[in-house]
């Protein structure tokens, strides 16, 4: 699959993100809560990944995007279009050999921990930045 796995995207953002992907010639695949235990590689349609469930984990309600097989120009164009269309999604990842075997909830936990750690680190000039840059 060359496209993006979509997790829990809000009703207002979902059509915008799907349209962005359509314009870029990329597939959009919404992942249902029932599929969170399946390996991400199986959700992306990669060969060699069993569609069977992995160990059970906790469901999550937060938004997440997993980009699968995008070229560098596609990756950049997608991220730029998200910004231009004001469709922020804090948790984004690229499908890798490592995380392809993970269930979605594991990737979500990893990204959430990274995001929280980054939020704690404030740049020295954060108070001097304009409101749209914070």
N, C-alpha and C. Protein backbone atom coordinates (compact mmCIF):
# COMPACT_ATOMS: atom_id res chain seq x y z
N UNK A 1 0.83 -1.19 0.00
CA UNK A 1 0.00 0.00 0.00
C UNK A 1 0.87 1.24 0.00
N UNK A 2 0.58 2.12 -0.90
CA UNK A 2 1.20 3.43 -0.87
C UNK A 2 0.10 4.39 -0.45
N UNK A 3 0.16 4.78 0.80
CA UNK A 3 -0.89 5.63 1.34
C UNK A 3 -0.72 5.81 2.82
N UNK A 4 -1.84 6.07 3.49
CA UNK A 4 -1.80 6.42 4.90
C UNK A 4 -2.89 5.66 5.65
N UNK A 5 -2.49 5.07 6.77
CA UNK A 5 -3.45 4.46 7.69
C UNK A 5 -3.96 5.57 8.60
N UNK A 6 -5.27 5.65 8.74
CA UNK A 6 -5.91 6.71 9.51
C UNK A 6 -6.56 6.11 10.76
N UNK A 7 -6.23 6.65 11.91
CA UNK A 7 -6.76 6.17 13.18
C UNK A 7 -7.51 7.30 13.88
N UNK A 8 -8.77 7.08 14.16
CA UNK A 8 -9.57 7.98 15.00
C UNK A 8 -9.54 9.44 14.55
N UNK A 9 -9.52 9.66 13.26
CA UNK A 9 -9.48 11.03 12.75
C UNK A 9 -10.87 11.65 12.93
N UNK A 10 -10.91 12.85 13.46
CA UNK A 10 -12.17 13.54 13.72
C UNK A 10 -13.00 13.75 12.47
N UNK A 11 -14.31 13.87 12.67
CA UNK A 11 -15.25 13.98 11.55
C UNK A 11 -15.01 15.19 10.67
N UNK A 12 -14.50 16.27 11.25
CA UNK A 12 -14.24 17.47 10.44
C UNK A 12 -12.97 17.32 9.61
N UNK A 13 -11.98 16.66 10.16
CA UNK A 13 -10.69 16.52 9.46
C UNK A 13 -10.68 15.37 8.45
N UNK A 14 -11.43 14.33 8.73
CA UNK A 14 -11.36 13.12 7.90
C UNK A 14 -11.58 13.39 6.42
N UNK A 15 -12.65 14.11 6.01
CA UNK A 15 -12.82 14.35 4.57
C UNK A 15 -11.69 15.18 3.97
N UNK A 16 -11.17 16.12 4.75
CA UNK A 16 -10.06 16.95 4.25
C UNK A 16 -8.82 16.09 3.99
N UNK A 17 -8.51 15.24 4.95
CA UNK A 17 -7.32 14.39 4.81
C UNK A 17 -7.51 13.40 3.66
N UNK A 18 -8.68 12.82 3.54
CA UNK A 18 -8.93 11.90 2.43
C UNK A 18 -8.81 12.61 1.09
N UNK A 19 -9.28 13.86 1.02
CA UNK A 19 -9.18 14.61 -0.23
C UNK A 19 -7.73 14.93 -0.56
N UNK A 20 -6.96 15.30 0.45
CA UNK A 20 -5.52 15.55 0.26
C UNK A 20 -4.86 14.31 -0.33
N UNK A 21 -5.14 13.16 0.27
CA UNK A 21 -4.55 11.91 -0.21
C UNK A 21 -4.99 11.59 -1.63
N UNK A 22 -6.26 11.80 -1.92
CA UNK A 22 -6.78 11.57 -3.27
C UNK A 22 -6.04 12.45 -4.29
N UNK A 23 -5.87 13.75 -3.96
CA UNK A 23 -5.18 14.67 -4.87
C UNK A 23 -3.74 14.26 -5.11
N UNK A 24 -3.13 13.62 -4.09
CA UNK A 24 -1.74 13.19 -4.22
C UNK A 24 -1.63 11.79 -4.83
N UNK A 25 -2.76 11.17 -5.14
CA UNK A 25 -2.75 9.83 -5.72
C UNK A 25 -2.41 8.75 -4.71
N UNK A 26 -2.72 8.99 -3.43
CA UNK A 26 -2.40 8.05 -2.37
C UNK A 26 -3.68 7.46 -1.79
N UNK A 27 -3.57 6.26 -1.28
CA UNK A 27 -4.72 5.59 -0.67
C UNK A 27 -4.87 6.02 0.78
N UNK A 28 -6.12 6.05 1.21
CA UNK A 28 -6.45 6.28 2.61
C UNK A 28 -7.13 5.02 3.12
N UNK A 29 -6.71 4.55 4.29
CA UNK A 29 -7.37 3.38 4.89
C UNK A 29 -7.66 3.69 6.34
N UNK A 30 -8.94 3.75 6.66
CA UNK A 30 -9.35 3.96 8.04
C UNK A 30 -9.22 2.64 8.78
N UNK A 31 -8.57 2.67 9.91
CA UNK A 31 -8.39 1.47 10.73
C UNK A 31 -9.46 1.48 11.81
N UNK A 32 -10.22 0.41 11.88
CA UNK A 32 -11.30 0.32 12.86
C UNK A 32 -10.75 -0.13 14.21
N UNK A 33 -11.47 0.15 15.29
CA UNK A 33 -11.03 -0.30 16.62
C UNK A 33 -10.85 -1.82 16.70
N UNK A 34 -11.61 -2.57 15.92
CA UNK A 34 -11.51 -4.03 15.94
C UNK A 34 -10.19 -4.52 15.34
N UNK A 35 -9.50 -3.66 14.59
CA UNK A 35 -8.26 -4.05 13.91
C UNK A 35 -6.99 -3.65 14.66
N UNK A 36 -7.12 -3.04 15.82
CA UNK A 36 -5.95 -2.50 16.53
C UNK A 36 -4.96 -3.56 16.98
N UNK A 37 -5.38 -4.81 17.08
CA UNK A 37 -4.49 -5.88 17.50
C UNK A 37 -3.73 -6.50 16.33
N UNK A 38 -4.10 -6.16 15.10
CA UNK A 38 -3.41 -6.72 13.93
C UNK A 38 -2.09 -6.00 13.70
N UNK A 39 -1.08 -6.70 13.18
CA UNK A 39 0.19 -6.03 12.87
C UNK A 39 -0.02 -4.90 11.86
N UNK A 40 0.67 -3.80 12.04
CA UNK A 40 0.53 -2.66 11.15
C UNK A 40 0.88 -3.05 9.71
N UNK A 41 1.87 -3.93 9.55
CA UNK A 41 2.22 -4.40 8.21
C UNK A 41 1.06 -5.09 7.52
N UNK A 42 0.27 -5.86 8.27
CA UNK A 42 -0.90 -6.53 7.71
C UNK A 42 -1.95 -5.49 7.32
N UNK A 43 -2.14 -4.47 8.14
CA UNK A 43 -3.10 -3.41 7.83
C UNK A 43 -2.71 -2.65 6.56
N UNK A 44 -1.40 -2.55 6.35
CA UNK A 44 -0.90 -1.85 5.16
C UNK A 44 -0.85 -2.76 3.94
N UNK A 45 -1.19 -4.02 4.11
CA UNK A 45 -1.22 -4.94 2.98
C UNK A 45 0.13 -5.48 2.57
N UNK A 46 1.10 -5.45 3.48
CA UNK A 46 2.44 -5.97 3.15
C UNK A 46 2.43 -7.49 3.17
N UNK A 47 3.16 -8.07 2.24
CA UNK A 47 3.29 -9.53 2.22
C UNK A 47 4.14 -9.98 3.39
N UNK A 48 3.83 -11.18 3.89
CA UNK A 48 4.61 -11.74 4.97
C UNK A 48 4.11 -11.39 6.35
N UNK A 49 3.04 -10.61 6.42
CA UNK A 49 2.46 -10.28 7.71
C UNK A 49 1.11 -10.94 7.82
N UNK A 50 1.00 -11.75 8.83
CA UNK A 50 -0.24 -12.48 9.07
C UNK A 50 -1.31 -11.52 9.53
N UNK A 51 -2.50 -11.69 9.02
CA UNK A 51 -3.61 -10.82 9.41
C UNK A 51 -4.17 -11.19 10.78
N UNK A 52 -3.65 -12.26 11.35
CA UNK A 52 -4.14 -12.69 12.66
C UNK A 52 -3.81 -11.65 13.72
N UNK A 53 -4.59 -11.67 14.77
CA UNK A 53 -4.38 -10.73 15.85
C UNK A 53 -3.10 -11.06 16.61
N UNK A 54 -2.50 -10.02 17.18
CA UNK A 54 -1.34 -10.20 18.06
C UNK A 54 -1.86 -10.19 19.49
N UNK A 55 -0.98 -9.97 20.43
CA UNK A 55 -1.43 -9.91 21.83
C UNK A 55 -2.38 -8.73 22.03
N UNK A 56 -3.31 -8.91 22.93
CA UNK A 56 -4.33 -7.89 23.16
C UNK A 56 -3.72 -6.67 23.84
N UNK A 57 -4.18 -5.52 23.45
CA UNK A 57 -3.71 -4.28 24.04
C UNK A 57 -4.89 -3.38 24.31
N UNK A 58 -4.59 -2.23 24.85
CA UNK A 58 -5.65 -1.29 25.17
C UNK A 58 -6.00 -0.46 23.95
N UNK A 59 -7.29 -0.29 23.68
CA UNK A 59 -7.69 0.58 22.57
C UNK A 59 -7.32 2.03 22.91
N UNK A 60 -7.25 2.85 21.91
CA UNK A 60 -6.94 4.26 22.12
C UNK A 60 -7.91 5.11 21.33
N UNK A 61 -8.10 6.32 21.79
CA UNK A 61 -9.06 7.22 21.14
C UNK A 61 -8.37 8.36 20.41
N UNK A 62 -7.06 8.52 20.60
CA UNK A 62 -6.34 9.62 19.98
C UNK A 62 -6.13 9.41 18.49
N UNK A 63 -5.92 10.52 17.79
CA UNK A 63 -5.67 10.48 16.35
C UNK A 63 -4.24 10.04 16.08
N UNK A 64 -4.07 9.31 14.98
CA UNK A 64 -2.74 8.88 14.57
C UNK A 64 -2.76 8.62 13.06
N UNK A 65 -1.65 8.93 12.40
CA UNK A 65 -1.45 8.64 10.98
C UNK A 65 -0.20 7.78 10.83
N UNK A 66 -0.28 6.75 9.97
CA UNK A 66 0.90 5.96 9.65
C UNK A 66 1.06 6.00 8.14
N UNK A 67 2.17 6.59 7.69
CA UNK A 67 2.45 6.74 6.27
C UNK A 67 3.19 5.51 5.77
N UNK A 68 2.66 4.93 4.70
CA UNK A 68 3.17 3.65 4.20
C UNK A 68 3.65 3.78 2.76
N UNK A 69 4.94 3.57 2.54
CA UNK A 69 5.48 3.51 1.19
C UNK A 69 5.53 4.82 0.45
N UNK A 70 5.46 5.95 1.12
CA UNK A 70 5.50 7.23 0.45
C UNK A 70 6.93 7.57 0.03
N UNK A 71 7.07 8.13 -1.15
CA UNK A 71 8.37 8.63 -1.59
C UNK A 71 8.64 9.92 -0.82
N UNK A 72 9.85 10.40 -0.88
CA UNK A 72 10.21 11.64 -0.19
C UNK A 72 9.35 12.81 -0.67
N UNK A 73 9.15 12.98 -2.00
CA UNK A 73 8.28 14.08 -2.44
C UNK A 73 6.83 13.91 -1.98
N UNK A 74 6.32 12.68 -1.99
CA UNK A 74 4.95 12.44 -1.52
C UNK A 74 4.83 12.76 -0.03
N UNK A 75 5.82 12.33 0.73
CA UNK A 75 5.85 12.58 2.17
C UNK A 75 5.80 14.08 2.44
N UNK A 76 6.67 14.83 1.78
CA UNK A 76 6.72 16.28 1.97
C UNK A 76 5.43 16.94 1.53
N UNK A 77 4.91 16.53 0.38
CA UNK A 77 3.67 17.12 -0.13
C UNK A 77 2.51 16.85 0.82
N UNK A 78 2.45 15.66 1.38
CA UNK A 78 1.37 15.32 2.30
C UNK A 78 1.44 16.16 3.56
N UNK A 79 2.63 16.24 4.17
CA UNK A 79 2.78 17.03 5.39
C UNK A 79 2.50 18.51 5.13
N UNK A 80 2.96 19.02 4.00
CA UNK A 80 2.69 20.43 3.66
C UNK A 80 1.19 20.66 3.47
N UNK A 81 0.52 19.75 2.82
CA UNK A 81 -0.92 19.89 2.60
C UNK A 81 -1.70 19.83 3.92
N UNK A 82 -1.24 18.99 4.85
CA UNK A 82 -1.89 18.95 6.17
C UNK A 82 -1.79 20.32 6.84
N UNK A 83 -0.60 20.92 6.77
CA UNK A 83 -0.40 22.24 7.38
C UNK A 83 -1.25 23.30 6.68
N UNK A 84 -1.20 23.32 5.35
CA UNK A 84 -1.93 24.33 4.59
C UNK A 84 -3.44 24.24 4.80
N UNK A 85 -3.94 23.04 4.98
CA UNK A 85 -5.38 22.83 5.17
C UNK A 85 -5.79 22.80 6.63
N UNK A 86 -4.85 23.13 7.50
CA UNK A 86 -5.09 23.18 8.95
C UNK A 86 -5.73 21.90 9.47
N UNK A 87 -5.02 20.82 9.20
CA UNK A 87 -5.44 19.48 9.65
C UNK A 87 -4.36 18.90 10.55
N UNK A 88 -4.18 19.46 11.73
CA UNK A 88 -3.11 18.95 12.60
C UNK A 88 -3.43 17.57 13.16
N UNK A 89 -2.46 16.70 13.08
CA UNK A 89 -2.52 15.39 13.73
C UNK A 89 -1.18 15.24 14.42
N UNK A 90 -1.20 15.22 15.74
CA UNK A 90 0.05 15.25 16.51
C UNK A 90 0.87 13.98 16.33
N UNK A 91 0.21 12.82 16.27
CA UNK A 91 0.94 11.56 16.22
C UNK A 91 0.99 11.04 14.79
N UNK A 92 2.21 11.10 14.22
CA UNK A 92 2.43 10.63 12.85
C UNK A 92 3.66 9.73 12.86
N UNK A 93 3.61 8.69 12.01
CA UNK A 93 4.75 7.78 11.91
C UNK A 93 4.87 7.31 10.47
N UNK A 94 6.04 6.80 10.17
CA UNK A 94 6.31 6.16 8.89
C UNK A 94 6.41 4.66 9.16
N UNK A 95 5.81 3.86 8.31
CA UNK A 95 5.90 2.41 8.44
C UNK A 95 7.34 1.98 8.20
N UNK A 96 7.89 1.22 9.15
CA UNK A 96 9.27 0.74 9.05
C UNK A 96 9.29 -0.78 9.20
N UNK A 97 10.45 -1.37 8.96
CA UNK A 97 10.58 -2.82 9.16
C UNK A 97 10.30 -3.19 10.60
N UNK A 98 10.69 -2.33 11.52
CA UNK A 98 10.49 -2.61 12.94
C UNK A 98 9.03 -2.50 13.35
N UNK A 99 8.41 -1.35 13.06
CA UNK A 99 7.05 -1.16 13.55
C UNK A 99 5.99 -1.89 12.73
N UNK A 100 6.37 -2.44 11.59
CA UNK A 100 5.41 -3.20 10.77
C UNK A 100 4.88 -4.42 11.52
N UNK A 101 5.67 -4.98 12.42
CA UNK A 101 5.26 -6.16 13.17
C UNK A 101 4.46 -5.79 14.43
N UNK A 102 4.42 -4.52 14.76
CA UNK A 102 3.74 -4.09 15.97
C UNK A 102 2.24 -3.97 15.75
N UNK A 103 1.46 -4.19 16.80
CA UNK A 103 0.04 -3.82 16.72
C UNK A 103 -0.07 -2.30 16.86
N UNK A 104 -1.14 -1.75 16.35
CA UNK A 104 -1.31 -0.29 16.34
C UNK A 104 -1.20 0.34 17.71
N UNK A 105 -1.76 -0.31 18.72
CA UNK A 105 -1.74 0.30 20.05
C UNK A 105 -0.32 0.46 20.58
N UNK A 106 0.61 -0.42 20.18
CA UNK A 106 2.00 -0.29 20.64
C UNK A 106 2.64 0.95 20.00
N UNK A 107 2.42 1.14 18.70
CA UNK A 107 2.95 2.33 18.04
C UNK A 107 2.35 3.59 18.64
N UNK A 108 1.06 3.55 18.92
CA UNK A 108 0.40 4.70 19.53
C UNK A 108 1.05 5.05 20.87
N UNK A 109 1.29 4.05 21.70
CA UNK A 109 1.93 4.30 23.00
C UNK A 109 3.32 4.92 22.83
N UNK A 110 4.09 4.39 21.88
CA UNK A 110 5.44 4.92 21.64
C UNK A 110 5.38 6.38 21.18
N UNK A 111 4.49 6.66 20.23
CA UNK A 111 4.37 8.02 19.71
C UNK A 111 3.85 8.97 20.78
N UNK A 112 2.90 8.52 21.58
CA UNK A 112 2.35 9.35 22.65
C UNK A 112 3.43 9.71 23.67
N UNK A 113 4.26 8.75 24.03
CA UNK A 113 5.35 9.01 24.97
C UNK A 113 6.34 10.00 24.39
N UNK A 114 6.69 9.85 23.11
CA UNK A 114 7.59 10.79 22.45
C UNK A 114 7.00 12.20 22.43
N UNK A 115 5.72 12.26 22.06
CA UNK A 115 5.03 13.55 21.96
C UNK A 115 5.02 14.25 23.32
N UNK A 116 4.70 13.53 24.37
CA UNK A 116 4.67 14.11 25.71
C UNK A 116 6.05 14.59 26.14
N UNK A 117 7.08 13.82 25.82
CA UNK A 117 8.45 14.22 26.16
C UNK A 117 8.83 15.50 25.42
N UNK A 118 8.47 15.60 24.15
CA UNK A 118 8.78 16.80 23.37
C UNK A 118 8.02 18.01 23.87
N UNK A 119 6.80 17.81 24.35
CA UNK A 119 6.01 18.93 24.87
C UNK A 119 6.62 19.52 26.13
N UNK A 120 7.36 18.70 26.88
CA UNK A 120 7.99 19.16 28.11
C UNK A 120 9.22 20.02 27.83
N UNK A 121 9.81 19.83 26.66
CA UNK A 121 11.00 20.58 26.28
C UNK A 121 10.55 21.82 25.50
N UNK A 122 10.68 22.97 26.14
CA UNK A 122 10.27 24.22 25.51
C UNK A 122 11.52 24.95 25.02
N UNK A 123 11.49 25.43 23.77
CA UNK A 123 12.63 26.21 23.29
C UNK A 123 12.79 27.48 24.12
N UNK A 124 14.02 27.97 24.22
CA UNK A 124 14.30 29.17 25.01
C UNK A 124 13.54 30.39 24.51
N UNK A 125 13.30 30.45 23.21
CA UNK A 125 12.63 31.62 22.63
C UNK A 125 11.13 31.43 22.51
N UNK A 126 10.54 30.44 23.17
CA UNK A 126 9.11 30.15 23.02
C UNK A 126 8.25 31.34 23.40
N UNK A 127 8.63 32.10 24.40
CA UNK A 127 7.86 33.26 24.82
C UNK A 127 7.92 34.40 23.82
N UNK A 128 8.97 34.41 22.99
CA UNK A 128 9.15 35.50 22.03
C UNK A 128 8.51 35.19 20.68
N UNK A 129 8.08 33.96 20.46
CA UNK A 129 7.51 33.58 19.17
C UNK A 129 6.10 34.14 19.03
N UNK A 130 5.71 34.31 17.78
CA UNK A 130 4.33 34.75 17.55
C UNK A 130 3.39 33.60 17.88
N UNK A 131 2.12 33.91 18.11
CA UNK A 131 1.14 32.93 18.54
C UNK A 131 0.98 31.76 17.57
N UNK A 132 1.10 31.99 16.28
CA UNK A 132 0.92 30.92 15.32
C UNK A 132 2.12 29.97 15.24
N UNK A 133 3.22 30.30 15.86
CA UNK A 133 4.42 29.47 15.82
C UNK A 133 4.60 28.65 17.08
N UNK A 134 3.73 28.79 18.06
CA UNK A 134 3.89 28.07 19.33
C UNK A 134 3.32 26.69 19.24
